[in-house]
Amino acid sequence: MPTDAAILAQITRAFAGVPRPEHFTDHPFCDECQEHDATLRAYDRETLPHEAVGSAARDPIAMTTAEGFTYHLPALARL
């Protein structure tokens, strides 16, 4: 049975070619989208902390684009 580290390494390799999008939400749509976009733009796959995405009341992942979600998926798996 693979270890957590081995599984995370596989996920990281599988998504390594996914480019970082310029924006992570439909940012001009509303103030909340702009805030969530700024939050997600502040981190990369290695630095995204649980505190930035771990609140049901304020969850930028709920408003991210498919490209943004795919880019951050390795970080979300790590969290």
N, C-alpha and C. Protein backbone atom coordinates (compact mmCIF):
# COMPACT_ATOMS: atom_id res chain seq x y z
N MET A 1 0.84 -1.18 0.00
CA MET A 1 0.00 0.00 0.00
C MET A 1 0.89 1.25 0.00
N PRO A 2 0.64 2.19 -0.92
CA PRO A 2 1.48 3.39 -1.00
C PRO A 2 1.31 4.28 0.24
N THR A 3 2.36 4.97 0.57
CA THR A 3 2.31 5.92 1.69
C THR A 3 1.66 7.22 1.22
N ASP A 4 1.26 8.04 2.20
CA ASP A 4 0.70 9.35 1.86
C ASP A 4 1.69 10.15 1.02
N ALA A 5 2.95 10.11 1.40
CA ALA A 5 3.98 10.86 0.67
C ALA A 5 4.09 10.38 -0.77
N ALA A 6 3.99 9.08 -0.99
CA ALA A 6 4.07 8.54 -2.35
C ALA A 6 2.87 8.98 -3.18
N ILE A 7 1.70 8.98 -2.58
CA ILE A 7 0.49 9.41 -3.29
C ILE A 7 0.58 10.90 -3.64
N LEU A 8 1.02 11.71 -2.67
CA LEU A 8 1.16 13.14 -2.93
C LEU A 8 2.20 13.40 -4.01
N ALA A 9 3.26 12.63 -4.03
CA ALA A 9 4.28 12.78 -5.07
C ALA A 9 3.70 12.45 -6.45
N GLN A 10 2.86 11.43 -6.53
CA GLN A 10 2.21 11.07 -7.79
C GLN A 10 1.30 12.20 -8.27
N ILE A 11 0.53 12.76 -7.35
CA ILE A 11 -0.37 13.86 -7.69
C ILE A 11 0.44 15.06 -8.18
N THR A 12 1.51 15.37 -7.47
CA THR A 12 2.37 16.50 -7.86
C THR A 12 2.93 16.30 -9.26
N ARG A 13 3.40 15.10 -9.55
CA ARG A 13 3.93 14.81 -10.90
C ARG A 13 2.84 14.91 -11.96
N ALA A 14 1.66 14.40 -11.63
CA ALA A 14 0.56 14.40 -12.60
C ALA A 14 0.12 15.81 -12.98
N PHE A 15 0.23 16.76 -12.06
CA PHE A 15 -0.24 18.12 -12.31
C PHE A 15 0.91 19.10 -12.53
N ALA A 16 2.13 18.61 -12.64
CA ALA A 16 3.30 19.49 -12.77
C ALA A 16 3.24 20.37 -14.02
N GLY A 17 2.62 19.90 -15.06
CA GLY A 17 2.55 20.67 -16.30
C GLY A 17 1.41 21.66 -16.38
N VAL A 18 0.58 21.70 -15.35
CA VAL A 18 -0.56 22.63 -15.35
C VAL A 18 -0.04 24.04 -15.10
N PRO A 19 -0.28 24.95 -16.03
CA PRO A 19 0.24 26.31 -15.84
C PRO A 19 -0.53 27.08 -14.78
N ARG A 20 0.17 28.01 -14.14
CA ARG A 20 -0.47 28.89 -13.16
C ARG A 20 -1.30 29.92 -13.93
N PRO A 21 -2.60 30.00 -13.64
CA PRO A 21 -3.41 30.99 -14.36
C PRO A 21 -3.11 32.41 -13.88
N GLU A 22 -3.38 33.36 -14.73
CA GLU A 22 -3.18 34.76 -14.33
C GLU A 22 -4.15 35.11 -13.20
N HIS A 23 -5.38 34.61 -13.29
CA HIS A 23 -6.40 34.84 -12.26
C HIS A 23 -7.05 33.52 -11.90
N PHE A 24 -7.53 33.43 -10.66
CA PHE A 24 -8.09 32.19 -10.15
C PHE A 24 -9.61 32.21 -10.05
N THR A 25 -10.21 33.38 -10.18
CA THR A 25 -11.67 33.51 -10.15
C THR A 25 -12.09 34.41 -11.30
N ASP A 26 -13.39 34.56 -11.46
CA ASP A 26 -13.93 35.54 -12.41
C ASP A 26 -13.83 36.89 -11.70
N HIS A 27 -12.59 37.34 -11.51
CA HIS A 27 -12.25 38.43 -10.60
C HIS A 27 -12.98 39.76 -10.80
N PRO A 28 -13.35 40.18 -11.99
CA PRO A 28 -14.04 41.47 -12.05
C PRO A 28 -15.54 41.35 -11.73
N PHE A 29 -16.02 40.14 -11.52
CA PHE A 29 -17.46 39.92 -11.34
C PHE A 29 -18.00 40.60 -10.09
N CYS A 30 -17.33 40.43 -8.95
CA CYS A 30 -17.82 41.00 -7.69
C CYS A 30 -16.65 41.20 -6.73
N ASP A 31 -16.91 41.94 -5.65
CA ASP A 31 -15.86 42.20 -4.67
C ASP A 31 -15.32 40.91 -4.05
N GLU A 32 -16.22 39.98 -3.75
CA GLU A 32 -15.79 38.71 -3.14
C GLU A 32 -14.89 37.93 -4.09
N CYS A 33 -15.23 37.93 -5.38
CA CYS A 33 -14.38 37.26 -6.37
C CYS A 33 -13.00 37.89 -6.41
N GLN A 34 -12.94 39.21 -6.32
CA GLN A 34 -11.66 39.90 -6.33
C GLN A 34 -10.84 39.54 -5.10
N GLU A 35 -11.49 39.47 -3.93
CA GLU A 35 -10.79 39.10 -2.70
C GLU A 35 -10.26 37.67 -2.78
N HIS A 36 -11.09 36.75 -3.24
CA HIS A 36 -10.67 35.36 -3.36
C HIS A 36 -9.55 35.21 -4.39
N ASP A 37 -9.64 35.95 -5.47
CA ASP A 37 -8.59 35.91 -6.48
C ASP A 37 -7.27 36.39 -5.87
N ALA A 38 -7.31 37.46 -5.12
CA ALA A 38 -6.09 37.98 -4.48
C ALA A 38 -5.51 36.96 -3.50
N THR A 39 -6.38 36.29 -2.76
CA THR A 39 -5.91 35.27 -1.82
C THR A 39 -5.19 34.15 -2.56
N LEU A 40 -5.81 33.61 -3.59
CA LEU A 40 -5.21 32.49 -4.31
C LEU A 40 -3.98 32.91 -5.10
N ARG A 41 -3.92 34.14 -5.57
CA ARG A 41 -2.74 34.61 -6.30
C ARG A 41 -1.55 34.80 -5.37
N ALA A 42 -1.80 34.93 -4.08
CA ALA A 42 -0.72 35.16 -3.12
C ALA A 42 0.09 33.90 -2.83
N TYR A 43 -0.39 32.74 -3.27
CA TYR A 43 0.27 31.47 -2.95
C TYR A 43 0.49 30.65 -4.21
N ASP A 44 1.46 29.75 -4.12
CA ASP A 44 1.64 28.76 -5.17
C ASP A 44 1.31 27.38 -4.59
N ARG A 45 1.57 26.34 -5.36
CA ARG A 45 1.23 24.98 -4.91
C ARG A 45 1.96 24.58 -3.64
N GLU A 46 3.16 25.10 -3.45
CA GLU A 46 3.95 24.71 -2.28
C GLU A 46 3.62 25.53 -1.04
N THR A 47 3.04 26.71 -1.21
CA THR A 47 2.86 27.60 -0.07
C THR A 47 1.41 27.80 0.36
N LEU A 48 0.44 27.30 -0.38
CA LEU A 48 -0.97 27.49 -0.03
C LEU A 48 -1.24 26.89 1.35
N PRO A 49 -1.64 27.73 2.34
CA PRO A 49 -1.90 27.21 3.68
C PRO A 49 -3.37 26.86 3.88
N HIS A 50 -3.62 25.98 4.81
CA HIS A 50 -4.99 25.59 5.15
C HIS A 50 -5.82 26.81 5.55
N GLU A 51 -5.20 27.75 6.25
CA GLU A 51 -5.92 28.93 6.72
C GLU A 51 -6.52 29.75 5.57
N ALA A 52 -5.91 29.68 4.40
CA ALA A 52 -6.39 30.46 3.25
C ALA A 52 -7.62 29.84 2.61
N VAL A 53 -7.82 28.54 2.78
CA VAL A 53 -8.92 27.85 2.08
C VAL A 53 -9.78 26.98 2.99
N GLY A 54 -9.49 26.93 4.27
CA GLY A 54 -10.14 25.97 5.15
C GLY A 54 -11.37 26.43 5.89
N SER A 55 -11.97 27.54 5.48
CA SER A 55 -13.16 28.03 6.16
C SER A 55 -14.38 27.89 5.27
N ALA A 56 -15.42 27.28 5.78
CA ALA A 56 -16.65 27.15 5.01
C ALA A 56 -17.29 28.52 4.78
N ALA A 57 -17.06 29.44 5.70
CA ALA A 57 -17.63 30.78 5.58
C ALA A 57 -16.89 31.63 4.55
N ARG A 58 -15.62 31.34 4.36
CA ARG A 58 -14.81 32.11 3.40
C ARG A 58 -13.88 31.15 2.67
N ASP A 59 -14.40 30.56 1.61
CA ASP A 59 -13.66 29.53 0.88
C ASP A 59 -13.41 29.96 -0.55
N PRO A 60 -12.21 30.45 -0.87
CA PRO A 60 -11.95 30.88 -2.24
C PRO A 60 -12.01 29.76 -3.26
N ILE A 61 -11.81 28.52 -2.84
CA ILE A 61 -11.86 27.39 -3.78
C ILE A 61 -13.27 27.24 -4.35
N ALA A 62 -14.29 27.61 -3.59
CA ALA A 62 -15.66 27.49 -4.07
C ALA A 62 -15.92 28.40 -5.27
N MET A 63 -15.11 29.44 -5.43
CA MET A 63 -15.33 30.39 -6.52
C MET A 63 -14.22 30.35 -7.57
N THR A 64 -13.32 29.40 -7.46
CA THR A 64 -12.20 29.35 -8.40
C THR A 64 -12.64 28.79 -9.75
N THR A 65 -11.89 29.15 -10.76
CA THR A 65 -12.14 28.61 -12.10
C THR A 65 -11.61 27.18 -12.17
N ALA A 66 -11.97 26.48 -13.22
CA ALA A 66 -11.45 25.12 -13.42
C ALA A 66 -9.93 25.14 -13.53
N GLU A 67 -9.39 26.15 -14.19
CA GLU A 67 -7.94 26.27 -14.34
C GLU A 67 -7.26 26.50 -12.99
N GLY A 68 -7.88 27.35 -12.16
CA GLY A 68 -7.33 27.62 -10.84
C GLY A 68 -7.39 26.41 -9.93
N PHE A 69 -8.50 25.69 -9.99
CA PHE A 69 -8.64 24.49 -9.18
C PHE A 69 -7.61 23.44 -9.59
N THR A 70 -7.46 23.25 -10.89
CA THR A 70 -6.50 22.26 -11.39
C THR A 70 -5.08 22.63 -10.99
N TYR A 71 -4.75 23.91 -11.05
CA TYR A 71 -3.41 24.35 -10.66
C TYR A 71 -3.16 24.06 -9.18
N HIS A 72 -4.13 24.36 -8.31
CA HIS A 72 -3.93 24.21 -6.87
C HIS A 72 -4.26 22.80 -6.35
N LEU A 73 -4.70 21.89 -7.20
CA LEU A 73 -5.08 20.56 -6.73
C LEU A 73 -3.98 19.85 -5.94
N PRO A 74 -2.72 19.88 -6.34
CA PRO A 74 -1.69 19.24 -5.51
C PRO A 74 -1.62 19.83 -4.10
N ALA A 75 -1.80 21.14 -3.98
CA ALA A 75 -1.79 21.77 -2.66
C ALA A 75 -3.00 21.33 -1.85
N LEU A 76 -4.15 21.25 -2.50
CA LEU A 76 -5.37 20.84 -1.80
C LEU A 76 -5.25 19.40 -1.31
N ALA A 77 -4.63 18.55 -2.10
CA ALA A 77 -4.41 17.17 -1.67
C ALA A 77 -3.49 17.12 -0.46
N ARG A 78 -2.49 17.98 -0.45
CA ARG A 78 -1.55 18.05 0.67
C ARG A 78 -2.24 18.50 1.95
N LEU A 79 -3.19 19.44 1.82
CA LEU A 79 -3.87 19.97 2.99
C LEU A 79 -4.82 18.94 3.56
